[in-house]
Amino acid sequence: MDSYTPPVKRLLRDNGCYPVRTGKGDHEIWRSPITGQNFPVDNVIKSRHTANGVLKQAGLPKAF
């Protein structure tokens, strides 16, 4: 798998999360209605551990 970013963003959107603004570098800041918090999402996620970490910050279970 080249990048986990597309499936991660798809899972986030399917669960009500949405992008708020651009962050530093190649990151976006997203908001989770589950946790009520903002969290960064890298535009090139190459590690399944990072992908699962993003989902955890969003209040979602591991998927990779």
PDB file of N, CA and C in Angstrom:
ATOM      1  N   MET A   1       0.857  -1.184   0.000  1.00  0.00           N
ATOM      2  CA  MET A   1       0.000   0.000   0.000  1.00  0.00           C
ATOM      3  C   MET A   1       0.893   1.234   0.000  1.00  0.00           C
ATOM      4  N   ASP A   2       0.645   2.141  -0.940  1.00  0.00           N
ATOM      5  CA  ASP A   2       1.447   3.355  -1.039  1.00  0.00           C
ATOM      6  C   ASP A   2       1.167   4.310   0.104  1.00  0.00           C
ATOM      7  N   SER A   3      -0.101   4.539   0.368  1.00  0.00           N
ATOM      8  CA  SER A   3      -0.459   5.502   1.412  1.00  0.00           C
ATOM      9  C   SER A   3      -1.772   5.079   2.067  1.00  0.00           C
ATOM     10  N   TYR A   4      -1.812   5.226   3.368  1.00  0.00           N
ATOM     11  CA  TYR A   4      -3.032   4.918   4.117  1.00  0.00           C
ATOM     12  C   TYR A   4      -3.988   6.111   4.150  1.00  0.00           C
ATOM     13  N   THR A   5      -3.549   7.241   3.607  1.00  0.00           N
ATOM     14  CA  THR A   5      -4.333   8.469   3.727  1.00  0.00           C
ATOM     15  C   THR A   5      -5.749   8.373   3.145  1.00  0.00           C
ATOM     16  N   PRO A   6      -5.938   7.905   1.896  1.00  0.00           N
ATOM     17  CA  PRO A   6      -7.312   7.850   1.369  1.00  0.00           C
ATOM     18  C   PRO A   6      -8.275   7.015   2.211  1.00  0.00           C
ATOM     19  N   PRO A   7      -7.906   5.772   2.621  1.00  0.00           N
ATOM     20  CA  PRO A   7      -8.868   5.021   3.443  1.00  0.00           C
ATOM     21  C   PRO A   7      -9.089   5.638   4.823  1.00  0.00           C
ATOM     22  N   VAL A   8      -8.049   6.265   5.392  1.00  0.00           N
ATOM     23  CA  VAL A   8      -8.211   6.911   6.696  1.00  0.00           C
ATOM     24  C   VAL A   8      -9.195   8.065   6.581  1.00  0.00           C
ATOM     25  N   LYS A   9      -9.015   8.914   5.573  1.00  0.00           N
ATOM     26  CA  LYS A   9      -9.919  10.061   5.394  1.00  0.00           C
ATOM     27  C   LYS A   9     -11.338   9.590   5.095  1.00  0.00           C
ATOM     28  N   ARG A  10     -11.477   8.489   4.354  1.00  0.00           N
ATOM     29  CA  ARG A  10     -12.809   7.943   4.059  1.00  0.00           C
ATOM     30  C   ARG A  10     -13.494   7.491   5.354  1.00  0.00           C
ATOM     31  N   LEU A  11     -12.750   6.783   6.203  1.00  0.00           N
ATOM     32  CA  LEU A  11     -13.303   6.344   7.490  1.00  0.00           C
ATOM     33  C   LEU A  11     -13.683   7.532   8.367  1.00  0.00           C
ATOM     34  N   LEU A  12     -12.834   8.546   8.380  1.00  0.00           N
ATOM     35  CA  LEU A  12     -13.127   9.732   9.182  1.00  0.00           C
ATOM     36  C   LEU A  12     -14.418  10.404   8.717  1.00  0.00           C
ATOM     37  N   ARG A  13     -14.540  10.603   7.396  1.00  0.00           N
ATOM     38  CA  ARG A  13     -15.747  11.253   6.854  1.00  0.00           C
ATOM     39  C   ARG A  13     -16.994  10.415   7.105  1.00  0.00           C
ATOM     40  N   ASP A  14     -16.872   9.097   6.945  1.00  0.00           N
ATOM     41  CA  ASP A  14     -18.012   8.196   7.162  1.00  0.00           C
ATOM     42  C   ASP A  14     -18.515   8.257   8.605  1.00  0.00           C
ATOM     43  N   ASN A  15     -17.646   8.654   9.532  1.00  0.00           N
ATOM     44  CA  ASN A  15     -18.010   8.722  10.939  1.00  0.00           C
ATOM     45  C   ASN A  15     -18.241  10.149  11.427  1.00  0.00           C
ATOM     46  N   GLY A  16     -18.423  11.083  10.483  1.00  0.00           N
ATOM     47  CA  GLY A  16     -18.808  12.438  10.851  1.00  0.00           C
ATOM     48  C   GLY A  16     -17.681  13.421  11.082  1.00  0.00           C
ATOM     49  N   CYS A  17     -16.424  12.983  10.963  1.00  0.00           N
ATOM     50  CA  CYS A  17     -15.300  13.908  11.124  1.00  0.00           C
ATOM     51  C   CYS A  17     -15.175  14.776   9.875  1.00  0.00           C
ATOM     52  N   TYR A  18     -14.616  15.960  10.049  1.00  0.00           N
ATOM     53  CA  TYR A  18     -14.494  16.877   8.915  1.00  0.00           C
ATOM     54  C   TYR A  18     -13.245  17.746   9.062  1.00  0.00           C
ATOM     55  N   PRO A  19     -12.661  18.164   7.913  1.00  0.00           N
ATOM     56  CA  PRO A  19     -11.482  19.028   7.973  1.00  0.00           C
ATOM     57  C   PRO A  19     -11.869  20.443   8.404  1.00  0.00           C
ATOM     58  N   VAL A  20     -11.051  21.030   9.278  1.00  0.00           N
ATOM     59  CA  VAL A  20     -11.306  22.372   9.792  1.00  0.00           C
ATOM     60  C   VAL A  20     -10.451  23.400   9.058  1.00  0.00           C
ATOM     61  N   ARG A  21      -9.151  23.074   8.924  1.00  0.00           N
ATOM     62  CA  ARG A  21      -8.222  24.010   8.277  1.00  0.00           C
ATOM     63  C   ARG A  21      -6.954  23.259   7.915  1.00  0.00           C
ATOM     64  N   THR A  22      -6.076  23.940   7.194  1.00  0.00           N
ATOM     65  CA  THR A  22      -4.775  23.351   6.921  1.00  0.00           C
ATOM     66  C   THR A  22      -3.871  23.573   8.122  1.00  0.00           C
ATOM     67  N   GLY A  23      -2.948  22.682   8.307  1.00  0.00           N
ATOM     68  CA  GLY A  23      -2.010  22.796   9.414  1.00  0.00           C
ATOM     69  C   GLY A  23      -0.620  23.093   8.878  1.00  0.00           C
ATOM     70  N   LYS A  24       0.385  22.855   9.704  1.00  0.00           N
ATOM     71  CA  LYS A  24       1.762  23.087   9.281  1.00  0.00           C
ATOM     72  C   LYS A  24       2.209  21.987   8.332  1.00  0.00           C
ATOM     73  N   GLY A  25       3.026  22.356   7.372  1.00  0.00           N
ATOM     74  CA  GLY A  25       3.545  21.374   6.421  1.00  0.00           C
ATOM     75  C   GLY A  25       2.439  20.773   5.582  1.00  0.00           C
ATOM     76  N   ASP A  26       2.416  19.454   5.511  1.00  0.00           N
ATOM     77  CA  ASP A  26       1.397  18.775   4.695  1.00  0.00           C
ATOM     78  C   ASP A  26       0.325  18.138   5.567  1.00  0.00           C
ATOM     79  N   HIS A  27      -0.023  18.798   6.660  1.00  0.00           N
ATOM     80  CA  HIS A  27      -1.052  18.298   7.577  1.00  0.00           C
ATOM     81  C   HIS A  27      -2.350  19.092   7.429  1.00  0.00           C
ATOM     82  N   GLU A  28      -3.440  18.450   7.776  1.00  0.00           N
ATOM     83  CA  GLU A  28      -4.741  19.109   7.878  1.00  0.00           C
ATOM     84  C   GLU A  28      -5.219  18.921   9.312  1.00  0.00           C
ATOM     85  N   ILE A  29      -5.994  19.867   9.806  1.00  0.00           N
ATOM     86  CA  ILE A  29      -6.586  19.749  11.131  1.00  0.00           C
ATOM     87  C   ILE A  29      -8.041  19.334  10.940  1.00  0.00           C
ATOM     88  N   TRP A  30      -8.413  18.223  11.562  1.00  0.00           N
ATOM     89  CA  TRP A  30      -9.766  17.690  11.471  1.00  0.00           C
ATOM     90  C   TRP A  30     -10.443  17.787  12.821  1.00  0.00           C
ATOM     91  N   ARG A  31     -11.772  17.731  12.823  1.00  0.00           N
ATOM     92  CA  ARG A  31     -12.553  17.762  14.062  1.00  0.00           C
ATOM     93  C   ARG A  31     -13.402  16.499  14.146  1.00  0.00           C
ATOM     94  N   SER A  32     -13.452  15.928  15.336  1.00  0.00           N
ATOM     95  CA  SER A  32     -14.237  14.722  15.574  1.00  0.00           C
ATOM     96  C   SER A  32     -15.461  15.062  16.420  1.00  0.00           C
ATOM     97  N   PRO A  33     -16.662  14.723  15.938  1.00  0.00           N
ATOM     98  CA  PRO A  33     -17.860  14.923  16.753  1.00  0.00           C
ATOM     99  C   PRO A  33     -17.936  13.913  17.907  1.00  0.00           C
ATOM    100  N   ILE A  34     -17.182  12.832  17.813  1.00  0.00           N
ATOM    101  CA  ILE A  34     -17.184  11.804  18.852  1.00  0.00           C
ATOM    102  C   ILE A  34     -16.442  12.298  20.092  1.00  0.00           C
ATOM    103  N   THR A  35     -15.237  12.856  19.884  1.00  0.00           N
ATOM    104  CA  THR A  35     -14.431  13.324  21.009  1.00  0.00           C
ATOM    105  C   THR A  35     -14.597  14.818  21.250  1.00  0.00           C
ATOM    106  N   GLY A  36     -15.070  15.542  20.234  1.00  0.00           N
ATOM    107  CA  GLY A  36     -15.202  16.989  20.348  1.00  0.00           C
ATOM    108  C   GLY A  36     -13.873  17.723  20.268  1.00  0.00           C
ATOM    109  N   GLN A  37     -12.842  17.045  19.756  1.00  0.00           N
ATOM    110  CA  GLN A  37     -11.514  17.640  19.686  1.00  0.00           C
ATOM    111  C   GLN A  37     -10.996  17.696  18.262  1.00  0.00           C
ATOM    112  N   ASN A  38     -10.035  18.610  18.050  1.00  0.00           N
ATOM    113  CA  ASN A  38      -9.331  18.700  16.782  1.00  0.00           C
ATOM    114  C   ASN A  38      -8.101  17.802  16.839  1.00  0.00           C
ATOM    115  N   PHE A  39      -7.685  17.284  15.672  1.00  0.00           N
ATOM    116  CA  PHE A  39      -6.497  16.436  15.596  1.00  0.00           C
ATOM    117  C   PHE A  39      -5.883  16.568  14.204  1.00  0.00           C
ATOM    118  N   PRO A  40      -4.550  16.387  14.107  1.00  0.00           N
ATOM    119  CA  PRO A  40      -3.881  16.513  12.808  1.00  0.00           C
ATOM    120  C   PRO A  40      -3.961  15.222  11.996  1.00  0.00           C
ATOM    121  N   VAL A  41      -4.058  15.392  10.683  1.00  0.00           N
ATOM    122  CA  VAL A  41      -4.014  14.257   9.762  1.00  0.00           C
ATOM    123  C   VAL A  41      -2.977  14.585   8.697  1.00  0.00           C
ATOM    124  N   ASP A  42      -1.970  13.734   8.580  1.00  0.00           N
ATOM    125  CA  ASP A  42      -0.917  13.919   7.585  1.00  0.00           C
ATOM    126  C   ASP A  42      -1.477  13.572   6.204  1.00  0.00           C
ATOM    127  N   ASN A  43      -1.011  14.271   5.176  1.00  0.00           N
ATOM    128  CA  ASN A  43      -1.481  13.984   3.819  1.00  0.00           C
ATOM    129  C   ASN A  43      -0.781  12.783   3.194  1.00  0.00           C
ATOM    130  N   VAL A  44       0.276  12.271   3.834  1.00  0.00           N
ATOM    131  CA  VAL A  44       0.954  11.071   3.366  1.00  0.00           C
ATOM    132  C   VAL A  44       1.221  10.183   4.574  1.00  0.00           C
ATOM    133  N   ILE A  45       0.273   9.285   4.859  1.00  0.00           N
ATOM    134  CA  ILE A  45       0.407   8.355   5.979  1.00  0.00           C
ATOM    135  C   ILE A  45       0.945   7.041   5.427  1.00  0.00           C
ATOM    136  N   LYS A  46       2.188   6.703   5.765  1.00  0.00           N
ATOM    137  CA  LYS A  46       2.820   5.499   5.230  1.00  0.00           C
ATOM    138  C   LYS A  46       2.824   4.333   6.213  1.00  0.00           C
ATOM    139  N   SER A  47       2.514   4.591   7.471  1.00  0.00           N
ATOM    140  CA  SER A  47       2.573   3.553   8.496  1.00  0.00           C
ATOM    141  C   SER A  47       1.171   3.212   8.999  1.00  0.00           C
ATOM    142  N   ARG A  48       0.916   1.919   9.172  1.00  0.00           N
ATOM    143  CA  ARG A  48      -0.384   1.515   9.710  1.00  0.00           C
ATOM    144  C   ARG A  48      -0.530   1.968  11.154  1.00  0.00           C
ATOM    145  N   HIS A  49       0.593   2.091  11.850  1.00  0.00           N
ATOM    146  CA  HIS A  49       0.555   2.545  13.242  1.00  0.00           C
ATOM    147  C   HIS A  49       0.098   4.005  13.310  1.00  0.00           C
ATOM    148  N   THR A  50       0.592   4.809  12.396  1.00  0.00           N
ATOM    149  CA  THR A  50       0.180   6.210  12.336  1.00  0.00           C
ATOM    150  C   THR A  50      -1.286   6.307  11.945  1.00  0.00           C
ATOM    151  N   ALA A  51      -1.700   5.480  10.979  1.00  0.00           N
ATOM    152  CA  ALA A  51      -3.098   5.478  10.544  1.00  0.00           C
ATOM    153  C   ALA A  51      -4.026   5.131  11.707  1.00  0.00           C
ATOM    154  N   ASN A  52      -3.664   4.108  12.474  1.00  0.00           N
ATOM    155  CA  ASN A  52      -4.479   3.723  13.631  1.00  0.00           C
ATOM    156  C   ASN A  52      -4.433   4.785  14.725  1.00  0.00           C
ATOM    157  N   GLY A  53      -3.309   5.481  14.845  1.00  0.00           N
ATOM    158  CA  GLY A  53      -3.190   6.567  15.811  1.00  0.00           C
ATOM    159  C   GLY A  53      -4.131   7.717  15.492  1.00  0.00           C
ATOM    160  N   VAL A  54      -4.267   8.024  14.216  1.00  0.00           N
ATOM    161  CA  VAL A  54      -5.192   9.078  13.784  1.00  0.00           C
ATOM    162  C   VAL A  54      -6.627   8.673  14.127  1.00  0.00           C
ATOM    163  N   LEU A  55      -6.967   7.418  13.836  1.00  0.00           N
ATOM    164  CA  LEU A  55      -8.312   6.934  14.147  1.00  0.00           C
ATOM    165  C   LEU A  55      -8.575   6.970  15.647  1.00  0.00           C
ATOM    166  N   LYS A  56      -7.571   6.650  16.447  1.00  0.00           N
ATOM    167  CA  LYS A  56      -7.717   6.681  17.902  1.00  0.00           C
ATOM    168  C   LYS A  56      -8.000   8.099  18.387  1.00  0.00           C
ATOM    169  N   GLN A  57      -7.301   9.089  17.814  1.00  0.00           N
ATOM    170  CA  GLN A  57      -7.530  10.484  18.186  1.00  0.00           C
ATOM    171  C   GLN A  57      -8.944  10.923  17.825  1.00  0.00           C
ATOM    172  N   ALA A  58      -9.501  10.308  16.783  1.00  0.00           N
ATOM    173  CA  ALA A  58     -10.859  10.630  16.356  1.00  0.00           C
ATOM    174  C   ALA A  58     -11.910   9.876  17.169  1.00  0.00           C
ATOM    175  N   GLY A  59     -11.476   8.965  18.032  1.00  0.00           N
ATOM    176  CA  GLY A  59     -12.407   8.178  18.838  1.00  0.00           C
ATOM    177  C   GLY A  59     -12.944   6.962  18.128  1.00  0.00           C
ATOM    178  N   LEU A  60     -12.200   6.490  17.111  1.00  0.00           N
ATOM    179  CA  LEU A  60     -12.621   5.330  16.327  1.00  0.00           C
ATOM    180  C   LEU A  60     -11.734   4.136  16.642  1.00  0.00           C
ATOM    181  N   PRO A  61     -12.209   2.916  16.408  1.00  0.00           N
ATOM    182  CA  PRO A  61     -11.380   1.726  16.653  1.00  0.00           C
ATOM    183  C   PRO A  61     -10.323   1.546  15.559  1.00  0.00           C
ATOM    184  N   LYS A  62      -9.316   0.748  15.851  1.00  0.00           N
ATOM    185  CA  LYS A  62      -8.272   0.436  14.870  1.00  0.00           C
ATOM    186  C   LYS A  62      -8.895  -0.223  13.638  1.00  0.00           C
ATOM    187  N   ALA A  63      -8.329   0.084  12.464  1.00  0.00           N
ATOM    188  CA  ALA A  63      -8.862  -0.505  11.249  1.00  0.00           C
ATOM    189  C   ALA A  63      -7.752  -1.099  10.368  1.00  0.00           C
ATOM    190  N   PHE A  64      -6.494  -0.887  10.739  1.00  0.00           N
ATOM    191  CA  PHE A  64      -5.372  -1.353   9.895  1.00  0.00           C
ATOM    192  C   PHE A  64      -4.398  -2.196  10.672  1.00  0.00           C
TER     193      PHE A  64
END
